[in-house]
Amino acid sequence: MEFVVASTIGVLTAGGVYLLLRLRAFSVILGLALLTYAVNIFLFASGRLAVNAPPVLNKYADVAYSDPLPQALVLTAIVISFGMTAVLVMFALGAYLEADHDRIDMTGESEEEGEGDSSSGSDDAAITAQGENRV
């Protein structure tokens, strides 16, 4: 049981990191969601993995129980991650509607803006040339 849970956490973490390193907004959001799931399973597993055990103590019987604190933490983390995912999706949707793509790379942005307006491109080149002459 522990091997399956540890493997699941590892696979979710690896998938989340891979998707985070992609330069697309939707992939980054999915990567964050996978990392959130991995952390939730880790928190849940930290309260001991007990099968068919009650989450509370029974004062009349001496039986094993599972710790309710990690369950409460996971429930809180699920609610918070759902809200943050909704906010990130709205940001990504707004950025996509404004720019017509969901790339995250910031290096190509200045090149694309200069191509659309010829006057701004020549002004930038003139300012750069003046700066080089002063040095």
Protein backbone atom coordinates (compact mmCIF):
# COMPACT_ATOMS: atom_id res chain seq x y z
CA MET A 1 0.00 0.00 0.00
CA GLU A 2 2.78 2.44 0.89
CA PHE A 3 4.64 1.69 -2.35
CA VAL A 4 1.55 2.46 -4.43
CA VAL A 5 0.95 5.76 -2.63
CA ALA A 6 4.61 6.78 -2.86
CA SER A 7 4.69 5.89 -6.56
CA THR A 8 1.53 7.89 -7.17
CA ILE A 9 3.01 10.91 -5.43
CA GLY A 10 6.18 10.58 -7.51
CA VAL A 11 4.32 10.26 -10.81
CA LEU A 12 2.06 13.23 -10.02
CA THR A 13 5.06 15.34 -9.00
CA ALA A 14 7.03 14.41 -12.11
CA GLY A 15 4.07 15.14 -14.36
CA GLY A 16 3.41 18.43 -12.60
CA VAL A 17 7.00 19.60 -12.91
CA TYR A 18 7.08 18.60 -16.58
CA LEU A 19 3.93 20.56 -17.30
CA LEU A 20 5.19 23.55 -15.30
CA LEU A 21 8.28 23.72 -17.49
CA ARG A 22 6.21 23.94 -20.66
CA LEU A 23 5.72 27.48 -21.91
CA ARG A 24 1.96 27.40 -22.31
CA ALA A 25 -0.48 28.81 -19.78
CA PHE A 26 -2.86 25.85 -19.87
CA SER A 27 -0.03 23.37 -19.32
CA VAL A 28 1.25 25.39 -16.38
CA ILE A 29 -2.21 25.40 -14.79
CA LEU A 30 -2.50 21.62 -15.23
CA GLY A 31 1.01 21.20 -13.79
CA LEU A 32 0.07 23.20 -10.72
CA ALA A 33 -3.06 21.09 -10.32
CA LEU A 34 -1.02 17.87 -10.49
CA LEU A 35 1.44 19.22 -7.92
CA THR A 36 -1.49 20.13 -5.69
CA TYR A 37 -2.84 16.59 -5.95
CA ALA A 38 0.59 15.20 -5.09
CA VAL A 39 0.83 17.40 -2.00
CA ASN A 40 -2.71 16.46 -0.95
CA ILE A 41 -1.93 12.74 -1.20
CA PHE A 42 1.31 13.31 0.72
CA LEU A 43 -0.56 15.14 3.49
CA PHE A 44 -3.19 12.43 3.59
CA ALA A 45 -0.56 9.69 3.77
CA SER A 46 1.25 11.47 6.60
CA GLY A 47 -1.63 10.56 8.91
CA ARG A 48 -0.80 6.85 8.65
CA LEU A 49 -2.37 4.67 6.02
CA ALA A 50 -4.96 2.63 7.88
CA VAL A 51 -7.55 0.67 5.93
CA ASN A 52 -11.08 0.43 7.39
CA ALA A 53 -10.09 2.37 10.49
CA PRO A 54 -12.41 4.97 12.01
CA PRO A 55 -11.22 8.61 11.88
CA VAL A 56 -11.98 9.18 15.57
CA LEU A 57 -11.08 7.48 18.83
CA ASN A 58 -13.47 5.03 20.40
CA LYS A 59 -13.22 5.24 24.17
CA TYR A 60 -14.96 1.89 24.64
CA ALA A 61 -12.75 -0.19 22.37
CA ASP A 62 -9.02 -0.36 21.83
CA VAL A 63 -8.90 -0.20 18.01
CA ALA A 64 -6.57 1.49 15.58
CA TYR A 65 -7.73 4.80 14.22
CA SER A 66 -6.62 7.16 11.49
CA ASP A 67 -5.53 10.67 12.36
CA PRO A 68 -8.25 13.21 11.44
CA LEU A 69 -5.87 16.21 11.26
CA PRO A 70 -4.33 15.34 7.85
CA GLN A 71 -7.84 14.75 6.51
CA ALA A 72 -8.87 18.22 7.61
CA LEU A 73 -5.70 19.71 6.10
CA VAL A 74 -6.33 17.97 2.79
CA LEU A 75 -9.92 19.17 2.70
CA THR A 76 -8.77 22.74 3.30
CA ALA A 77 -6.05 22.40 0.67
CA ILE A 78 -8.58 21.10 -1.88
CA VAL A 79 -10.83 24.10 -1.36
CA ILE A 80 -7.95 26.58 -1.58
CA SER A 81 -6.46 24.91 -4.68
CA PHE A 82 -9.86 24.90 -6.40
CA GLY A 83 -10.22 28.63 -5.82
CA MET A 84 -6.67 29.39 -6.98
CA THR A 85 -7.11 27.23 -10.07
CA ALA A 86 -10.27 29.15 -10.95
CA VAL A 87 -8.38 32.45 -10.58
CA LEU A 88 -5.47 31.19 -12.72
CA VAL A 89 -7.85 29.95 -15.42
CA MET A 90 -9.48 33.38 -15.55
CA PHE A 91 -6.08 35.09 -15.83
CA ALA A 92 -5.02 32.69 -18.57
CA LEU A 93 -8.30 33.13 -20.43
CA GLY A 94 -7.96 36.90 -20.28
CA ALA A 95 -4.37 36.75 -21.51
CA TYR A 96 -5.37 34.38 -24.32
CA LEU A 97 -8.23 36.58 -25.46
CA GLU A 98 -5.98 39.65 -25.42
CA ALA A 99 -2.93 38.15 -27.15
CA ASP A 100 -4.52 35.33 -29.24
CA HIS A 101 -2.02 32.77 -27.87
CA ASP A 102 -1.18 31.20 -24.53
CA ARG A 103 2.62 31.33 -24.68
CA ILE A 104 4.39 32.40 -21.52
CA ASP A 105 7.78 33.26 -23.00
CA MET A 106 8.52 36.95 -22.58
CA THR A 107 11.45 37.18 -25.00
CA GLY A 108 9.39 36.95 -28.20
CA GLU A 109 6.90 39.58 -27.07
CA SER A 110 9.05 42.66 -27.83
CA GLU A 111 9.97 41.33 -31.28
CA GLU A 112 6.33 40.78 -32.22
CA GLU A 113 5.28 44.25 -31.07
CA GLY A 114 8.02 45.89 -33.15
CA GLU A 115 6.92 44.13 -36.33
CA GLY A 116 3.34 45.40 -36.21
CA ASP A 117 4.19 49.11 -36.01
CA SER A 118 7.02 50.29 -38.23
CA SER A 119 7.40 53.67 -36.51
CA SER A 120 7.98 52.16 -33.06
CA GLY A 121 10.59 49.77 -34.47
CA SER A 122 12.57 52.58 -36.11
CA ASP A 123 12.29 54.73 -32.96
CA ASP A 124 13.68 51.87 -30.88
CA ALA A 125 16.55 51.42 -33.33
CA ALA A 126 17.28 55.15 -33.30
CA ILE A 127 17.30 55.28 -29.50
CA THR A 128 19.59 52.25 -29.36
CA ALA A 129 21.96 53.82 -31.91
CA GLN A 130 22.08 57.08 -29.93
CA GLY A 131 22.83 55.17 -26.75
CA GLU A 132 25.70 53.32 -28.41
CA ASN A 133 27.19 56.60 -29.74
CA ARG A 134 27.30 58.12 -26.25
CA VAL A 135 29.31 55.26 -24.79
